[in-house]
Amino acid sequence: MKENIIKVKTLAFGIRIVKLCKYLDDTKREFILTNQLKRSGTTVGAMAREAEHAESKKILFIRWRLH
């Protein structure tokens, strides 16, 4: 079975974002920026998963417009 490249890349991106946030928390003591970065960076993967399991394109676009 062929791997889904979007799934692989968004997972890797999310992991890098979480590691960066942990680094910033530990060394720079930057909490406000890291919280927003973590939320924004991991949303990409969530949106990709939602798109993968969407019932139809119309429903997908409606959901994305609400975010």
N, C-alpha and C. Protein backbone atom coordinates (compact mmCIF):
# COMPACT_ATOMS: atom_id res chain seq x y z
N MET A 1 0.84 -1.19 0.00
CA MET A 1 0.00 0.00 0.00
C MET A 1 0.88 1.25 0.00
N LYS A 2 0.51 2.21 -0.81
CA LYS A 2 1.29 3.43 -0.95
C LYS A 2 1.03 4.37 0.24
N GLU A 3 2.12 4.96 0.75
CA GLU A 3 1.99 5.88 1.88
C GLU A 3 1.45 7.23 1.42
N ASN A 4 0.64 7.83 2.26
CA ASN A 4 0.08 9.14 1.98
C ASN A 4 1.14 10.20 2.35
N ILE A 5 1.66 10.90 1.35
CA ILE A 5 2.75 11.85 1.56
C ILE A 5 2.32 13.03 2.43
N ILE A 6 1.06 13.46 2.30
CA ILE A 6 0.56 14.57 3.12
C ILE A 6 0.56 14.17 4.59
N LYS A 7 0.12 12.95 4.87
CA LYS A 7 0.08 12.45 6.24
C LYS A 7 1.48 12.40 6.85
N VAL A 8 2.43 11.90 6.08
CA VAL A 8 3.81 11.78 6.56
C VAL A 8 4.42 13.15 6.82
N LYS A 9 4.24 14.07 5.88
CA LYS A 9 4.85 15.40 6.01
C LYS A 9 4.21 16.23 7.12
N THR A 10 2.88 16.14 7.29
CA THR A 10 2.24 16.91 8.36
C THR A 10 2.61 16.35 9.73
N LEU A 11 2.77 15.05 9.83
CA LEU A 11 3.21 14.46 11.09
C LEU A 11 4.62 14.90 11.44
N ALA A 12 5.52 14.87 10.46
CA ALA A 12 6.90 15.31 10.70
C ALA A 12 6.94 16.80 11.07
N PHE A 13 6.12 17.60 10.40
CA PHE A 13 6.05 19.03 10.70
C PHE A 13 5.56 19.26 12.13
N GLY A 14 4.51 18.54 12.52
CA GLY A 14 3.97 18.67 13.87
C GLY A 14 4.99 18.28 14.93
N ILE A 15 5.73 17.23 14.69
CA ILE A 15 6.76 16.80 15.64
C ILE A 15 7.86 17.85 15.76
N ARG A 16 8.26 18.44 14.65
CA ARG A 16 9.29 19.50 14.69
C ARG A 16 8.79 20.72 15.44
N ILE A 17 7.52 21.07 15.25
CA ILE A 17 6.94 22.21 15.96
C ILE A 17 6.93 21.97 17.46
N VAL A 18 6.52 20.79 17.87
CA VAL A 18 6.46 20.46 19.30
C VAL A 18 7.86 20.49 19.91
N LYS A 19 8.86 19.95 19.18
CA LYS A 19 10.24 19.99 19.68
C LYS A 19 10.76 21.42 19.80
N LEU A 20 10.44 22.25 18.81
CA LEU A 20 10.84 23.66 18.87
C LEU A 20 10.21 24.36 20.06
N CYS A 21 8.95 24.10 20.30
CA CYS A 21 8.25 24.72 21.44
C CYS A 21 8.86 24.27 22.76
N LYS A 22 9.20 23.00 22.85
CA LYS A 22 9.84 22.50 24.07
C LYS A 22 11.18 23.18 24.28
N TYR A 23 11.96 23.35 23.21
CA TYR A 23 13.24 24.03 23.30
C TYR A 23 13.06 25.48 23.76
N LEU A 24 12.10 26.18 23.16
CA LEU A 24 11.86 27.57 23.54
C LEU A 24 11.40 27.70 24.99
N ASP A 25 10.56 26.77 25.42
CA ASP A 25 10.11 26.77 26.82
C ASP A 25 11.27 26.56 27.78
N ASP A 26 12.13 25.60 27.44
CA ASP A 26 13.22 25.24 28.35
C ASP A 26 14.34 26.26 28.38
N THR A 27 14.72 26.81 27.25
CA THR A 27 15.89 27.67 27.21
C THR A 27 15.58 29.15 27.20
N LYS A 28 14.56 29.55 26.50
CA LYS A 28 14.27 30.98 26.34
C LYS A 28 13.18 31.48 27.28
N ARG A 29 12.47 30.55 27.90
CA ARG A 29 11.36 30.90 28.79
C ARG A 29 10.30 31.75 28.09
N GLU A 30 10.03 31.39 26.85
CA GLU A 30 9.03 32.10 26.04
C GLU A 30 7.76 31.26 26.01
N PHE A 31 6.77 31.63 26.82
CA PHE A 31 5.58 30.78 26.97
C PHE A 31 4.43 31.21 26.06
N ILE A 32 4.21 32.49 25.90
CA ILE A 32 3.08 32.96 25.09
C ILE A 32 3.28 32.59 23.62
N LEU A 33 4.45 32.86 23.12
CA LEU A 33 4.75 32.54 21.72
C LEU A 33 4.67 31.04 21.47
N THR A 34 5.20 30.24 22.38
CA THR A 34 5.22 28.80 22.14
C THR A 34 3.81 28.20 22.17
N ASN A 35 2.95 28.72 23.02
CA ASN A 35 1.58 28.20 23.04
C ASN A 35 0.87 28.44 21.72
N GLN A 36 1.01 29.65 21.18
CA GLN A 36 0.37 29.96 19.90
C GLN A 36 1.02 29.17 18.76
N LEU A 37 2.33 29.06 18.78
CA LEU A 37 3.04 28.31 17.75
C LEU A 37 2.62 26.84 17.76
N LYS A 38 2.48 26.27 18.93
CA LYS A 38 2.08 24.87 19.05
C LYS A 38 0.67 24.65 18.50
N ARG A 39 -0.25 25.56 18.85
CA ARG A 39 -1.62 25.44 18.34
C ARG A 39 -1.67 25.58 16.82
N SER A 40 -0.97 26.57 16.31
CA SER A 40 -0.99 26.82 14.87
C SER A 40 -0.27 25.73 14.09
N GLY A 41 0.86 25.28 14.60
CA GLY A 41 1.66 24.29 13.90
C GLY A 41 1.04 22.91 13.84
N THR A 42 0.31 22.53 14.87
CA THR A 42 -0.30 21.20 14.89
C THR A 42 -1.67 21.18 14.23
N THR A 43 -2.25 22.34 13.98
CA THR A 43 -3.54 22.41 13.29
C THR A 43 -3.43 21.92 11.86
N VAL A 44 -2.27 22.08 11.26
CA VAL A 44 -2.06 21.64 9.87
C VAL A 44 -2.36 20.15 9.75
N GLY A 45 -1.83 19.36 10.65
CA GLY A 45 -2.05 17.91 10.62
C GLY A 45 -3.51 17.56 10.88
N ALA A 46 -4.13 18.27 11.80
CA ALA A 46 -5.54 18.00 12.11
C ALA A 46 -6.43 18.29 10.90
N MET A 47 -6.14 19.38 10.20
CA MET A 47 -6.93 19.73 9.02
C MET A 47 -6.71 18.71 7.90
N ALA A 48 -5.51 18.22 7.76
CA ALA A 48 -5.22 17.21 6.73
C ALA A 48 -5.96 15.92 7.03
N ARG A 49 -5.99 15.52 8.29
CA ARG A 49 -6.72 14.30 8.67
C ARG A 49 -8.22 14.47 8.43
N GLU A 50 -8.72 15.65 8.77
CA GLU A 50 -10.14 15.92 8.56
C GLU A 50 -10.48 15.87 7.07
N ALA A 51 -9.62 16.40 6.25
CA ALA A 51 -9.85 16.39 4.81
C ALA A 51 -9.83 14.97 4.26
N GLU A 52 -8.99 14.15 4.83
CA GLU A 52 -8.87 12.77 4.37
C GLU A 52 -10.17 11.99 4.63
N HIS A 53 -10.85 12.32 5.71
CA HIS A 53 -12.06 11.59 6.09
C HIS A 53 -13.35 12.38 5.82
N ALA A 54 -13.27 13.41 5.00
CA ALA A 54 -14.44 14.24 4.70
C ALA A 54 -15.46 13.44 3.89
N GLU A 55 -16.71 13.73 4.14
CA GLU A 55 -17.79 13.03 3.43
C GLU A 55 -17.88 13.52 1.99
N SER A 56 -17.71 14.80 1.79
CA SER A 56 -17.73 15.36 0.44
C SER A 56 -16.92 16.65 0.45
N LYS A 57 -16.58 17.13 -0.73
CA LYS A 57 -15.81 18.36 -0.83
C LYS A 57 -16.61 19.55 -0.30
N LYS A 58 -17.90 19.54 -0.54
CA LYS A 58 -18.75 20.64 -0.08
C LYS A 58 -18.73 20.75 1.44
N ILE A 59 -18.86 19.64 2.12
CA ILE A 59 -18.83 19.63 3.59
C ILE A 59 -17.45 20.04 4.09
N LEU A 60 -16.42 19.57 3.42
CA LEU A 60 -15.06 19.93 3.81
C LEU A 60 -14.85 21.44 3.74
N PHE A 61 -15.28 22.08 2.66
CA PHE A 61 -15.11 23.52 2.53
C PHE A 61 -15.92 24.29 3.58
N ILE A 62 -17.09 23.80 3.88
CA ILE A 62 -17.91 24.44 4.92
C ILE A 62 -17.20 24.37 6.27
N ARG A 63 -16.67 23.23 6.60
CA ARG A 63 -15.96 23.07 7.88
C ARG A 63 -14.73 23.96 7.95
N TRP A 64 -13.96 24.02 6.87
CA TRP A 64 -12.75 24.83 6.86
C TRP A 64 -13.08 26.30 6.97
N ARG A 65 -14.18 26.74 6.40
CA ARG A 65 -14.57 28.13 6.49
C ARG A 65 -14.93 28.52 7.92
N LEU A 66 -15.40 27.58 8.72
CA LEU A 66 -15.77 27.86 10.11
C LEU A 66 -14.56 28.05 11.00
N HIS A 67 -13.39 27.51 10.64
CA HIS A 67 -12.21 27.60 11.48
C HIS A 67 -11.62 28.93 11.37
